[in-house]
């Protein structure tokens, strides 16, 4: 069976070096919008104001994406911070490139 989606493993942060959240989606625009608008007000990202998209990996296979997400979640915090700093040294909110059009 062939996948027809792009899958995204992403890291959100509350601020540079702050609280982190790792997730997976096949619609990064929708998912970032959900986090930024606190669509689910009782969830972790809303509770800790984790809304800045600071890292993004793309995959064309859902199983590979799921494996990557699980691997990242097991990483030590320092490794996650280093990954973000390597790919996004100033911790810019990358979601500016993924604005939801309502």
PDB file of N, CA and C in Angstrom:
ATOM      1  N   UNK A   1       0.830  -1.193   0.000  1.00  0.00           N
ATOM      2  CA  UNK A   1       0.000   0.000   0.000  1.00  0.00           C
ATOM      3  C   UNK A   1       0.870   1.250   0.000  1.00  0.00           C
ATOM      4  N   UNK A   2       0.516   2.223  -0.787  1.00  0.00           N
ATOM      5  CA  UNK A   2       1.295   3.440  -0.931  1.00  0.00           C
ATOM      6  C   UNK A   2       0.658   4.576  -0.133  1.00  0.00           C
ATOM      7  N   UNK A   3       1.496   5.338   0.576  1.00  0.00           N
ATOM      8  CA  UNK A   3       1.014   6.510   1.296  1.00  0.00           C
ATOM      9  C   UNK A   3       0.815   7.667   0.323  1.00  0.00           C
ATOM     10  N   UNK A   4      -0.183   8.500   0.591  1.00  0.00           N
ATOM     11  CA  UNK A   4      -0.447   9.662  -0.254  1.00  0.00           C
ATOM     12  C   UNK A   4      -0.301  10.964   0.514  1.00  0.00           C
ATOM     13  N   UNK A   5       0.239  10.871   1.712  1.00  0.00           N
ATOM     14  CA  UNK A   5       0.382  12.041   2.566  1.00  0.00           C
ATOM     15  C   UNK A   5       1.849  12.324   2.824  1.00  0.00           C
ATOM     16  N   UNK A   6       2.111  13.532   3.253  1.00  0.00           N
ATOM     17  CA  UNK A   6       3.379  13.859   3.872  1.00  0.00           C
ATOM     18  C   UNK A   6       3.102  13.866   5.362  1.00  0.00           C
ATOM     19  N   UNK A   7       3.976  13.248   6.119  1.00  0.00           N
ATOM     20  CA  UNK A   7       3.823  13.180   7.569  1.00  0.00           C
ATOM     21  C   UNK A   7       4.892  14.056   8.205  1.00  0.00           C
ATOM     22  N   UNK A   8       4.506  14.746   9.256  1.00  0.00           N
ATOM     23  CA  UNK A   8       5.387  15.702   9.917  1.00  0.00           C
ATOM     24  C   UNK A   8       5.591  15.301  11.373  1.00  0.00           C
ATOM     25  N   UNK A   9       6.823  15.221  11.782  1.00  0.00           N
ATOM     26  CA  UNK A   9       7.167  15.091  13.192  1.00  0.00           C
ATOM     27  C   UNK A   9       7.701  16.467  13.576  1.00  0.00           C
ATOM     28  N   UNK A  10       7.099  17.037  14.609  1.00  0.00           N
ATOM     29  CA  UNK A  10       7.410  18.424  14.922  1.00  0.00           C
ATOM     30  C   UNK A  10       7.704  18.608  16.399  1.00  0.00           C
ATOM     31  N   UNK A  11       8.442  19.663  16.681  1.00  0.00           N
ATOM     32  CA  UNK A  11       8.715  20.038  18.066  1.00  0.00           C
ATOM     33  C   UNK A  11       8.215  21.463  18.260  1.00  0.00           C
ATOM     34  N   UNK A  12       7.414  21.639  19.297  1.00  0.00           N
ATOM     35  CA  UNK A  12       6.949  22.954  19.719  1.00  0.00           C
ATOM     36  C   UNK A  12       7.682  23.330  21.000  1.00  0.00           C
ATOM     37  N   UNK A  13       7.840  24.636  21.228  1.00  0.00           N
ATOM     38  CA  UNK A  13       8.462  25.124  22.459  1.00  0.00           C
ATOM     39  C   UNK A  13       7.657  26.292  22.998  1.00  0.00           C
ATOM     40  N   UNK A  14       7.740  26.482  24.310  1.00  0.00           N
ATOM     41  CA  UNK A  14       7.072  27.630  24.936  1.00  0.00           C
ATOM     42  C   UNK A  14       7.906  28.895  24.738  1.00  0.00           C
ATOM     43  N   UNK A  15       9.228  28.728  24.662  1.00  0.00           N
ATOM     44  CA  UNK A  15      10.191  29.812  24.453  1.00  0.00           C
ATOM     45  C   UNK A  15      11.526  29.140  24.198  1.00  0.00           C
ATOM     46  N   UNK A  16      12.551  29.868  23.777  1.00  0.00           N
ATOM     47  CA  UNK A  16      13.857  29.225  23.597  1.00  0.00           C
ATOM     48  C   UNK A  16      14.321  28.540  24.886  1.00  0.00           C
ATOM     49  N   UNK A  17      14.591  27.262  24.784  1.00  0.00           N
ATOM     50  CA  UNK A  17      15.027  26.490  25.936  1.00  0.00           C
ATOM     51  C   UNK A  17      13.919  26.131  26.906  1.00  0.00           C
ATOM     52  N   UNK A  18      12.677  26.438  26.560  1.00  0.00           N
ATOM     53  CA  UNK A  18      11.546  26.209  27.461  1.00  0.00           C
ATOM     54  C   UNK A  18      10.953  24.822  27.354  1.00  0.00           C
ATOM     55  N   UNK A  19       9.684  24.735  27.711  1.00  0.00           N
ATOM     56  CA  UNK A  19       8.955  23.467  27.675  1.00  0.00           C
ATOM     57  C   UNK A  19       8.816  23.002  26.230  1.00  0.00           C
ATOM     58  N   UNK A  20       9.015  21.704  26.008  1.00  0.00           N
ATOM     59  CA  UNK A  20       8.955  21.133  24.659  1.00  0.00           C
ATOM     60  C   UNK A  20       7.794  20.152  24.532  1.00  0.00           C
ATOM     61  N   UNK A  21       7.303  20.046  23.296  1.00  0.00           N
ATOM     62  CA  UNK A  21       6.271  19.066  22.953  1.00  0.00           C
ATOM     63  C   UNK A  21       6.634  18.475  21.605  1.00  0.00           C
ATOM     64  N   UNK A  22       6.562  17.168  21.490  1.00  0.00           N
ATOM     65  CA  UNK A  22       6.835  16.478  20.222  1.00  0.00           C
ATOM     66  C   UNK A  22       5.549  15.823  19.758  1.00  0.00           C
ATOM     67  N   UNK A  23       5.219  16.032  18.482  1.00  0.00           N
ATOM     68  CA  UNK A  23       3.998  15.457  17.934  1.00  0.00           C
ATOM     69  C   UNK A  23       4.183  15.001  16.505  1.00  0.00           C
ATOM     70  N   UNK A  24       3.133  14.416  15.967  1.00  0.00           N
ATOM     71  CA  UNK A  24       3.120  13.920  14.589  1.00  0.00           C
ATOM     72  C   UNK A  24       1.775  14.283  13.972  1.00  0.00           C
ATOM     73  N   UNK A  25       1.782  14.601  12.686  1.00  0.00           N
ATOM     74  CA  UNK A  25       0.550  14.944  11.983  1.00  0.00           C
ATOM     75  C   UNK A  25       0.748  14.743  10.482  1.00  0.00           C
ATOM     76  N   UNK A  26      -0.366  14.674   9.771  1.00  0.00           N
ATOM     77  CA  UNK A  26      -0.284  14.679   8.310  1.00  0.00           C
ATOM     78  C   UNK A  26      -0.800  16.009   7.756  1.00  0.00           C
ATOM     79  N   UNK A  27      -1.095  16.947   8.641  1.00  0.00           N
ATOM     80  CA  UNK A  27      -1.557  18.281   8.230  1.00  0.00           C
ATOM     81  C   UNK A  27      -0.951  19.310   9.185  1.00  0.00           C
ATOM     82  N   UNK A  28       0.254  19.762   8.869  1.00  0.00           N
ATOM     83  CA  UNK A  28       0.975  20.654   9.775  1.00  0.00           C
ATOM     84  C   UNK A  28       0.279  22.002   9.929  1.00  0.00           C
ATOM     85  N   UNK A  29      -0.349  22.499   8.901  1.00  0.00           N
ATOM     86  CA  UNK A  29      -1.058  23.782   8.990  1.00  0.00           C
ATOM     87  C   UNK A  29      -2.192  23.690  10.007  1.00  0.00           C
ATOM     88  N   UNK A  30      -3.015  22.675   9.875  1.00  0.00           N
ATOM     89  CA  UNK A  30      -4.129  22.487  10.810  1.00  0.00           C
ATOM     90  C   UNK A  30      -3.630  22.275  12.229  1.00  0.00           C
ATOM     91  N   UNK A  31      -2.617  21.427  12.376  1.00  0.00           N
ATOM     92  CA  UNK A  31      -2.153  21.071  13.713  1.00  0.00           C
ATOM     93  C   UNK A  31      -1.522  22.262  14.425  1.00  0.00           C
ATOM     94  N   UNK A  32      -0.726  23.033  13.729  1.00  0.00           N
ATOM     95  CA  UNK A  32      -0.128  24.233  14.335  1.00  0.00           C
ATOM     96  C   UNK A  32      -1.224  25.211  14.729  1.00  0.00           C
ATOM     97  N   UNK A  33      -2.217  25.373  13.859  1.00  0.00           N
ATOM     98  CA  UNK A  33      -3.341  26.259  14.174  1.00  0.00           C
ATOM     99  C   UNK A  33      -4.057  25.787  15.440  1.00  0.00           C
ATOM    100  N   UNK A  34      -4.267  24.480  15.571  1.00  0.00           N
ATOM    101  CA  UNK A  34      -4.922  23.939  16.762  1.00  0.00           C
ATOM    102  C   UNK A  34      -4.134  24.268  18.027  1.00  0.00           C
ATOM    103  N   UNK A  35      -2.811  24.128  17.949  1.00  0.00           N
ATOM    104  CA  UNK A  35      -1.987  24.443  19.120  1.00  0.00           C
ATOM    105  C   UNK A  35      -2.032  25.938  19.439  1.00  0.00           C
ATOM    106  N   UNK A  36      -1.904  26.772  18.427  1.00  0.00           N
ATOM    107  CA  UNK A  36      -1.835  28.222  18.645  1.00  0.00           C
ATOM    108  C   UNK A  36      -3.159  28.829  19.116  1.00  0.00           C
ATOM    109  N   UNK A  37      -4.260  28.217  18.758  1.00  0.00           N
ATOM    110  CA  UNK A  37      -5.564  28.759  19.157  1.00  0.00           C
ATOM    111  C   UNK A  37      -6.127  28.052  20.385  1.00  0.00           C
ATOM    112  N   UNK A  38      -5.331  27.151  20.969  1.00  0.00           N
ATOM    113  CA  UNK A  38      -5.756  26.400  22.157  1.00  0.00           C
ATOM    114  C   UNK A  38      -7.102  25.718  21.920  1.00  0.00           C
ATOM    115  N   UNK A  39      -7.211  25.086  20.765  1.00  0.00           N
ATOM    116  CA  UNK A  39      -8.438  24.391  20.401  1.00  0.00           C
ATOM    117  C   UNK A  39      -8.848  23.380  21.486  1.00  0.00           C
ATOM    118  N   UNK A  40      -7.859  22.773  22.088  1.00  0.00           N
ATOM    119  CA  UNK A  40      -8.103  21.828  23.187  1.00  0.00           C
ATOM    120  C   UNK A  40      -7.503  22.448  24.446  1.00  0.00           C
ATOM    121  N   UNK A  41      -8.265  23.295  25.153  1.00  0.00           N
ATOM    122  CA  UNK A  41      -7.712  24.106  26.240  1.00  0.00           C
ATOM    123  C   UNK A  41      -7.143  23.328  27.424  1.00  0.00           C
ATOM    124  N   UNK A  42      -7.510  22.071  27.584  1.00  0.00           N
ATOM    125  CA  UNK A  42      -6.983  21.318  28.721  1.00  0.00           C
ATOM    126  C   UNK A  42      -5.754  20.486  28.359  1.00  0.00           C
ATOM    127  N   UNK A  43      -5.304  20.554  27.119  1.00  0.00           N
ATOM    128  CA  UNK A  43      -4.163  19.734  26.715  1.00  0.00           C
ATOM    129  C   UNK A  43      -2.843  20.347  27.200  1.00  0.00           C
ATOM    130  N   UNK A  44      -1.800  19.560  27.141  1.00  0.00           N
ATOM    131  CA  UNK A  44      -0.470  19.941  27.621  1.00  0.00           C
ATOM    132  C   UNK A  44       0.019  21.242  27.001  1.00  0.00           C
ATOM    133  N   UNK A  45      -0.097  21.360  25.684  1.00  0.00           N
ATOM    134  CA  UNK A  45       0.450  22.546  25.014  1.00  0.00           C
ATOM    135  C   UNK A  45      -0.292  23.816  25.403  1.00  0.00           C
ATOM    136  N   UNK A  46      -1.579  23.723  25.624  1.00  0.00           N
ATOM    137  CA  UNK A  46      -2.344  24.891  26.067  1.00  0.00           C
ATOM    138  C   UNK A  46      -1.988  25.242  27.508  1.00  0.00           C
ATOM    139  N   UNK A  47      -1.896  24.238  28.344  1.00  0.00           N
ATOM    140  CA  UNK A  47      -1.600  24.454  29.762  1.00  0.00           C
ATOM    141  C   UNK A  47      -0.256  25.151  29.960  1.00  0.00           C
ATOM    142  N   UNK A  48       0.735  24.789  29.150  1.00  0.00           N
ATOM    143  CA  UNK A  48       2.085  25.340  29.299  1.00  0.00           C
ATOM    144  C   UNK A  48       2.459  26.335  28.202  1.00  0.00           C
ATOM    145  N   UNK A  49       1.484  26.776  27.414  1.00  0.00           N
ATOM    146  CA  UNK A  49       1.684  27.770  26.351  1.00  0.00           C
ATOM    147  C   UNK A  49       2.807  27.363  25.385  1.00  0.00           C
ATOM    148  N   UNK A  50       2.759  26.121  24.950  1.00  0.00           N
ATOM    149  CA  UNK A  50       3.761  25.571  24.039  1.00  0.00           C
ATOM    150  C   UNK A  50       3.216  25.714  22.617  1.00  0.00           C
ATOM    151  N   UNK A  51       3.571  26.803  21.953  1.00  0.00           N
ATOM    152  CA  UNK A  51       2.941  27.119  20.666  1.00  0.00           C
ATOM    153  C   UNK A  51       3.924  27.451  19.545  1.00  0.00           C
ATOM    154  N   UNK A  52       5.204  27.523  19.829  1.00  0.00           N
ATOM    155  CA  UNK A  52       6.174  27.909  18.804  1.00  0.00           C
ATOM    156  C   UNK A  52       6.734  26.674  18.106  1.00  0.00           C
ATOM    157  N   UNK A  53       6.532  26.600  16.807  1.00  0.00           N
ATOM    158  CA  UNK A  53       7.073  25.495  16.014  1.00  0.00           C
ATOM    159  C   UNK A  53       8.564  25.754  15.806  1.00  0.00           C
ATOM    160  N   UNK A  54       9.414  24.925  16.418  1.00  0.00           N
ATOM    161  CA  UNK A  54      10.853  25.180  16.356  1.00  0.00           C
ATOM    162  C   UNK A  54      11.634  24.123  15.594  1.00  0.00           C
ATOM    163  N   UNK A  55      11.006  23.000  15.283  1.00  0.00           N
ATOM    164  CA  UNK A  55      11.681  21.956  14.505  1.00  0.00           C
ATOM    165  C   UNK A  55      10.638  21.142  13.752  1.00  0.00           C
ATOM    166  N   UNK A  56      11.012  20.722  12.531  1.00  0.00           N
ATOM    167  CA  UNK A  56      10.076  19.987  11.688  1.00  0.00           C
ATOM    168  C   UNK A  56      10.839  19.004  10.812  1.00  0.00           C
ATOM    169  N   UNK A  57      10.412  17.743  10.839  1.00  0.00           N
ATOM    170  CA  UNK A  57      10.943  16.708   9.948  1.00  0.00           C
ATOM    171  C   UNK A  57       9.791  16.183   9.114  1.00  0.00           C
ATOM    172  N   UNK A  58      10.037  15.889   7.849  1.00  0.00           N
ATOM    173  CA  UNK A  58       8.988  15.394   6.966  1.00  0.00           C
ATOM    174  C   UNK A  58       9.308  13.965   6.508  1.00  0.00           C
ATOM    175  N   UNK A  59       8.241  13.207   6.294  1.00  0.00           N
ATOM    176  CA  UNK A  59       8.350  11.804   5.889  1.00  0.00           C
ATOM    177  C   UNK A  59       7.247  11.486   4.894  1.00  0.00           C
ATOM    178  N   UNK A  60       7.509  10.519   4.027  1.00  0.00           N
ATOM    179  CA  UNK A  60       6.473  10.091   3.088  1.00  0.00           C
ATOM    180  C   UNK A  60       5.871   8.745   3.491  1.00  0.00           C
ATOM    181  N   UNK A  61       6.303   8.226   4.637  1.00  0.00           N
ATOM    182  CA  UNK A  61       5.795   6.950   5.127  1.00  0.00           C
ATOM    183  C   UNK A  61       5.389   7.106   6.581  1.00  0.00           C
ATOM    184  N   UNK A  62       4.162   6.750   6.904  1.00  0.00           N
ATOM    185  CA  UNK A  62       3.638   6.964   8.247  1.00  0.00           C
ATOM    186  C   UNK A  62       4.392   6.152   9.296  1.00  0.00           C
ATOM    187  N   UNK A  63       4.769   4.926   8.983  1.00  0.00           N
ATOM    188  CA  UNK A  63       5.473   4.098   9.963  1.00  0.00           C
ATOM    189  C   UNK A  63       6.848   4.679  10.290  1.00  0.00           C
ATOM    190  N   UNK A  64       7.528   5.188   9.296  1.00  0.00           N
ATOM    191  CA  UNK A  64       8.827   5.824   9.521  1.00  0.00           C
ATOM    192  C   UNK A  64       8.665   7.062  10.393  1.00  0.00           C
ATOM    193  N   UNK A  65       7.621   7.827  10.132  1.00  0.00           N
ATOM    194  CA  UNK A  65       7.357   9.031  10.932  1.00  0.00           C
ATOM    195  C   UNK A  65       7.057   8.662  12.382  1.00  0.00           C
ATOM    196  N   UNK A  66       6.237   7.651  12.596  1.00  0.00           N
ATOM    197  CA  UNK A  66       5.893   7.222  13.955  1.00  0.00           C
ATOM    198  C   UNK A  66       7.145   6.745  14.693  1.00  0.00           C
ATOM    199  N   UNK A  67       7.985   5.984  14.024  1.00  0.00           N
ATOM    200  CA  UNK A  67       9.228   5.521  14.639  1.00  0.00           C
ATOM    201  C   UNK A  67      10.118   6.701  15.032  1.00  0.00           C
ATOM    202  N   UNK A  68      10.197   7.692  14.159  1.00  0.00           N
ATOM    203  CA  UNK A  68      11.015   8.878  14.434  1.00  0.00           C
ATOM    204  C   UNK A  68      10.461   9.646  15.633  1.00  0.00           C
ATOM    205  N   UNK A  69       9.144   9.821  15.675  1.00  0.00           N
ATOM    206  CA  UNK A  69       8.528  10.522  16.812  1.00  0.00           C
ATOM    207  C   UNK A  69       8.832   9.793  18.116  1.00  0.00           C
ATOM    208  N   UNK A  70       8.662   8.496  18.134  1.00  0.00           N
ATOM    209  CA  UNK A  70       8.933   7.719  19.351  1.00  0.00           C
ATOM    210  C   UNK A  70      10.396   7.826  19.768  1.00  0.00           C
ATOM    211  N   UNK A  71      11.288   7.810  18.783  1.00  0.00           N
ATOM    212  CA  UNK A  71      12.717   7.924  19.060  1.00  0.00           C
ATOM    213  C   UNK A  71      13.037   9.282  19.682  1.00  0.00           C
ATOM    214  N   UNK A  72      12.499  10.357  19.084  1.00  0.00           N
ATOM    215  CA  UNK A  72      12.745  11.702  19.622  1.00  0.00           C
ATOM    216  C   UNK A  72      12.216  11.847  21.051  1.00  0.00           C
ATOM    217  N   UNK A  73      11.064  11.278  21.311  1.00  0.00           N
ATOM    218  CA  UNK A  73      10.470  11.390  22.650  1.00  0.00           C
ATOM    219  C   UNK A  73      11.341  10.716  23.708  1.00  0.00           C
ATOM    220  N   UNK A  74      12.127   9.735  23.320  1.00  0.00           N
ATOM    221  CA  UNK A  74      13.007   9.038  24.265  1.00  0.00           C
ATOM    222  C   UNK A  74      14.349   9.742  24.450  1.00  0.00           C
ATOM    223  N   UNK A  75      14.653  10.689  23.581  1.00  0.00           N
ATOM    224  CA  UNK A  75      15.924  11.398  23.683  1.00  0.00           C
ATOM    225  C   UNK A  75      16.015  12.174  24.989  1.00  0.00           C
ATOM    226  N   UNK A  76      17.243  12.362  25.451  1.00  0.00           N
ATOM    227  CA  UNK A  76      17.492  13.241  26.593  1.00  0.00           C
ATOM    228  C   UNK A  76      17.138  14.666  26.181  1.00  0.00           C
ATOM    229  N   UNK A  77      16.728  15.460  27.149  1.00  0.00           N
ATOM    230  CA  UNK A  77      16.345  16.849  26.879  1.00  0.00           C
ATOM    231  C   UNK A  77      17.478  17.610  26.181  1.00  0.00           C
ATOM    232  N   UNK A  78      18.710  17.423  26.630  1.00  0.00           N
ATOM    233  CA  UNK A  78      19.841  18.129  26.024  1.00  0.00           C
ATOM    234  C   UNK A  78      19.956  17.807  24.536  1.00  0.00           C
ATOM    235  N   UNK A  79      19.734  16.567  24.169  1.00  0.00           N
ATOM    236  CA  UNK A  79      19.819  16.184  22.759  1.00  0.00           C
ATOM    237  C   UNK A  79      18.747  16.908  21.945  1.00  0.00           C
ATOM    238  N   UNK A  80      17.553  17.022  22.512  1.00  0.00           N
ATOM    239  CA  UNK A  80      16.465  17.723  21.820  1.00  0.00           C
ATOM    240  C   UNK A  80      16.812  19.201  21.650  1.00  0.00           C
ATOM    241  N   UNK A  81      17.323  19.807  22.706  1.00  0.00           N
ATOM    242  CA  UNK A  81      17.713  21.219  22.632  1.00  0.00           C
ATOM    243  C   UNK A  81      18.818  21.413  21.599  1.00  0.00           C
ATOM    244  N   UNK A  82      19.785  20.503  21.580  1.00  0.00           N
ATOM    245  CA  UNK A  82      20.874  20.583  20.596  1.00  0.00           C
ATOM    246  C   UNK A  82      20.341  20.440  19.171  1.00  0.00           C
ATOM    247  N   UNK A  83      19.402  19.519  18.958  1.00  0.00           N
ATOM    248  CA  UNK A  83      18.814  19.332  17.629  1.00  0.00           C
ATOM    249  C   UNK A  83      18.149  20.622  17.157  1.00  0.00           C
ATOM    250  N   UNK A  84      17.368  21.223  18.029  1.00  0.00           N
ATOM    251  CA  UNK A  84      16.683  22.473  17.665  1.00  0.00           C
ATOM    252  C   UNK A  84      17.705  23.560  17.353  1.00  0.00           C
ATOM    253  N   UNK A  85      18.702  23.702  18.199  1.00  0.00           N
ATOM    254  CA  UNK A  85      19.707  24.749  18.017  1.00  0.00           C
ATOM    255  C   UNK A  85      20.506  24.537  16.733  1.00  0.00           C
ATOM    256  N   UNK A  86      20.764  23.282  16.370  1.00  0.00           N
ATOM    257  CA  UNK A  86      21.498  22.989  15.133  1.00  0.00           C
ATOM    258  C   UNK A  86      20.702  23.385  13.897  1.00  0.00           C
ATOM    259  N   UNK A  87      19.403  23.134  13.912  1.00  0.00           N
ATOM    260  CA  UNK A  87      18.586  23.384  12.721  1.00  0.00           C
ATOM    261  C   UNK A  87      17.904  24.745  12.743  1.00  0.00           C
ATOM    262  N   UNK A  88      17.789  25.339  13.933  1.00  0.00           N
ATOM    263  CA  UNK A  88      17.081  26.611  14.096  1.00  0.00           C
ATOM    264  C   UNK A  88      17.775  27.391  15.229  1.00  0.00           C
ATOM    265  N   UNK A  89      18.993  27.904  14.971  1.00  0.00           N
ATOM    266  CA  UNK A  89      19.823  28.459  16.042  1.00  0.00           C
ATOM    267  C   UNK A  89      19.186  29.586  16.851  1.00  0.00           C
ATOM    268  N   UNK A  90      18.290  30.325  16.258  1.00  0.00           N
ATOM    269  CA  UNK A  90      17.666  31.445  16.967  1.00  0.00           C
ATOM    270  C   UNK A  90      16.265  31.103  17.471  1.00  0.00           C
ATOM    271  N   UNK A  91      15.894  29.835  17.352  1.00  0.00           N
ATOM    272  CA  UNK A  91      14.602  29.344  17.829  1.00  0.00           C
ATOM    273  C   UNK A  91      13.447  30.169  17.251  1.00  0.00           C
ATOM    274  N   UNK A  92      13.543  30.504  15.965  1.00  0.00           N
ATOM    275  CA  UNK A  92      12.446  31.211  15.302  1.00  0.00           C
ATOM    276  C   UNK A  92      11.216  30.315  15.260  1.00  0.00           C
ATOM    277  N   UNK A  93      10.053  30.943  15.315  1.00  0.00           N
ATOM    278  CA  UNK A  93       8.799  30.201  15.172  1.00  0.00           C
ATOM    279  C   UNK A  93       8.607  29.908  13.691  1.00  0.00           C
ATOM    280  N   UNK A  94       8.818  28.675  13.308  1.00  0.00           N
ATOM    281  CA  UNK A  94       8.734  28.264  11.902  1.00  0.00           C
ATOM    282  C   UNK A  94       7.308  28.248  11.380  1.00  0.00           C
ATOM    283  N   UNK A  95       6.347  28.383  12.275  1.00  0.00           N
ATOM    284  CA  UNK A  95       4.949  28.296  11.841  1.00  0.00           C
ATOM    285  C   UNK A  95       4.546  29.477  10.977  1.00  0.00           C
ATOM    286  N   UNK A  96       5.344  30.508  10.938  1.00  0.00           N
ATOM    287  CA  UNK A  96       5.043  31.631  10.041  1.00  0.00           C
ATOM    288  C   UNK A  96       4.954  31.126   8.595  1.00  0.00           C
ATOM    289  N   UNK A  97       5.647  30.020   8.320  1.00  0.00           N
ATOM    290  CA  UNK A  97       5.608  29.404   6.989  1.00  0.00           C
ATOM    291  C   UNK A  97       4.409  28.484   6.807  1.00  0.00           C
ATOM    292  N   UNK A  98       3.647  28.270   7.885  1.00  0.00           N
ATOM    293  CA  UNK A  98       2.528  27.334   7.856  1.00  0.00           C
ATOM    294  C   UNK A  98       1.294  27.976   8.445  1.00  0.00           C
ATOM    295  N   UNK A  99       0.886  29.099   7.933  1.00  0.00           N
ATOM    296  CA  UNK A  99      -0.274  29.820   8.454  1.00  0.00           C
ATOM    297  C   UNK A  99      -1.558  29.167   7.980  1.00  0.00           C
ATOM    298  N   UNK A 100      -2.503  29.031   8.889  1.00  0.00           N
ATOM    299  CA  UNK A 100      -3.804  28.436   8.587  1.00  0.00           C
ATOM    300  C   UNK A 100      -4.681  29.470   7.869  1.00  0.00           C
ATOM    301  N   UNK A 101      -5.250  29.065   6.775  1.00  0.00           N
ATOM    302  CA  UNK A 101      -6.148  29.938   6.036  1.00  0.00           C
ATOM    303  C   UNK A 101      -7.573  29.503   6.377  1.00  0.00           C
ATOM    304  N   UNK A 102      -8.293  30.345   7.082  1.00  0.00           N
ATOM    305  CA  UNK A 102      -9.658  29.979   7.502  1.00  0.00           C
ATOM    306  C   UNK A 102     -10.677  30.483   6.515  1.00  0.00           C
TER     307      UNK A 102
END
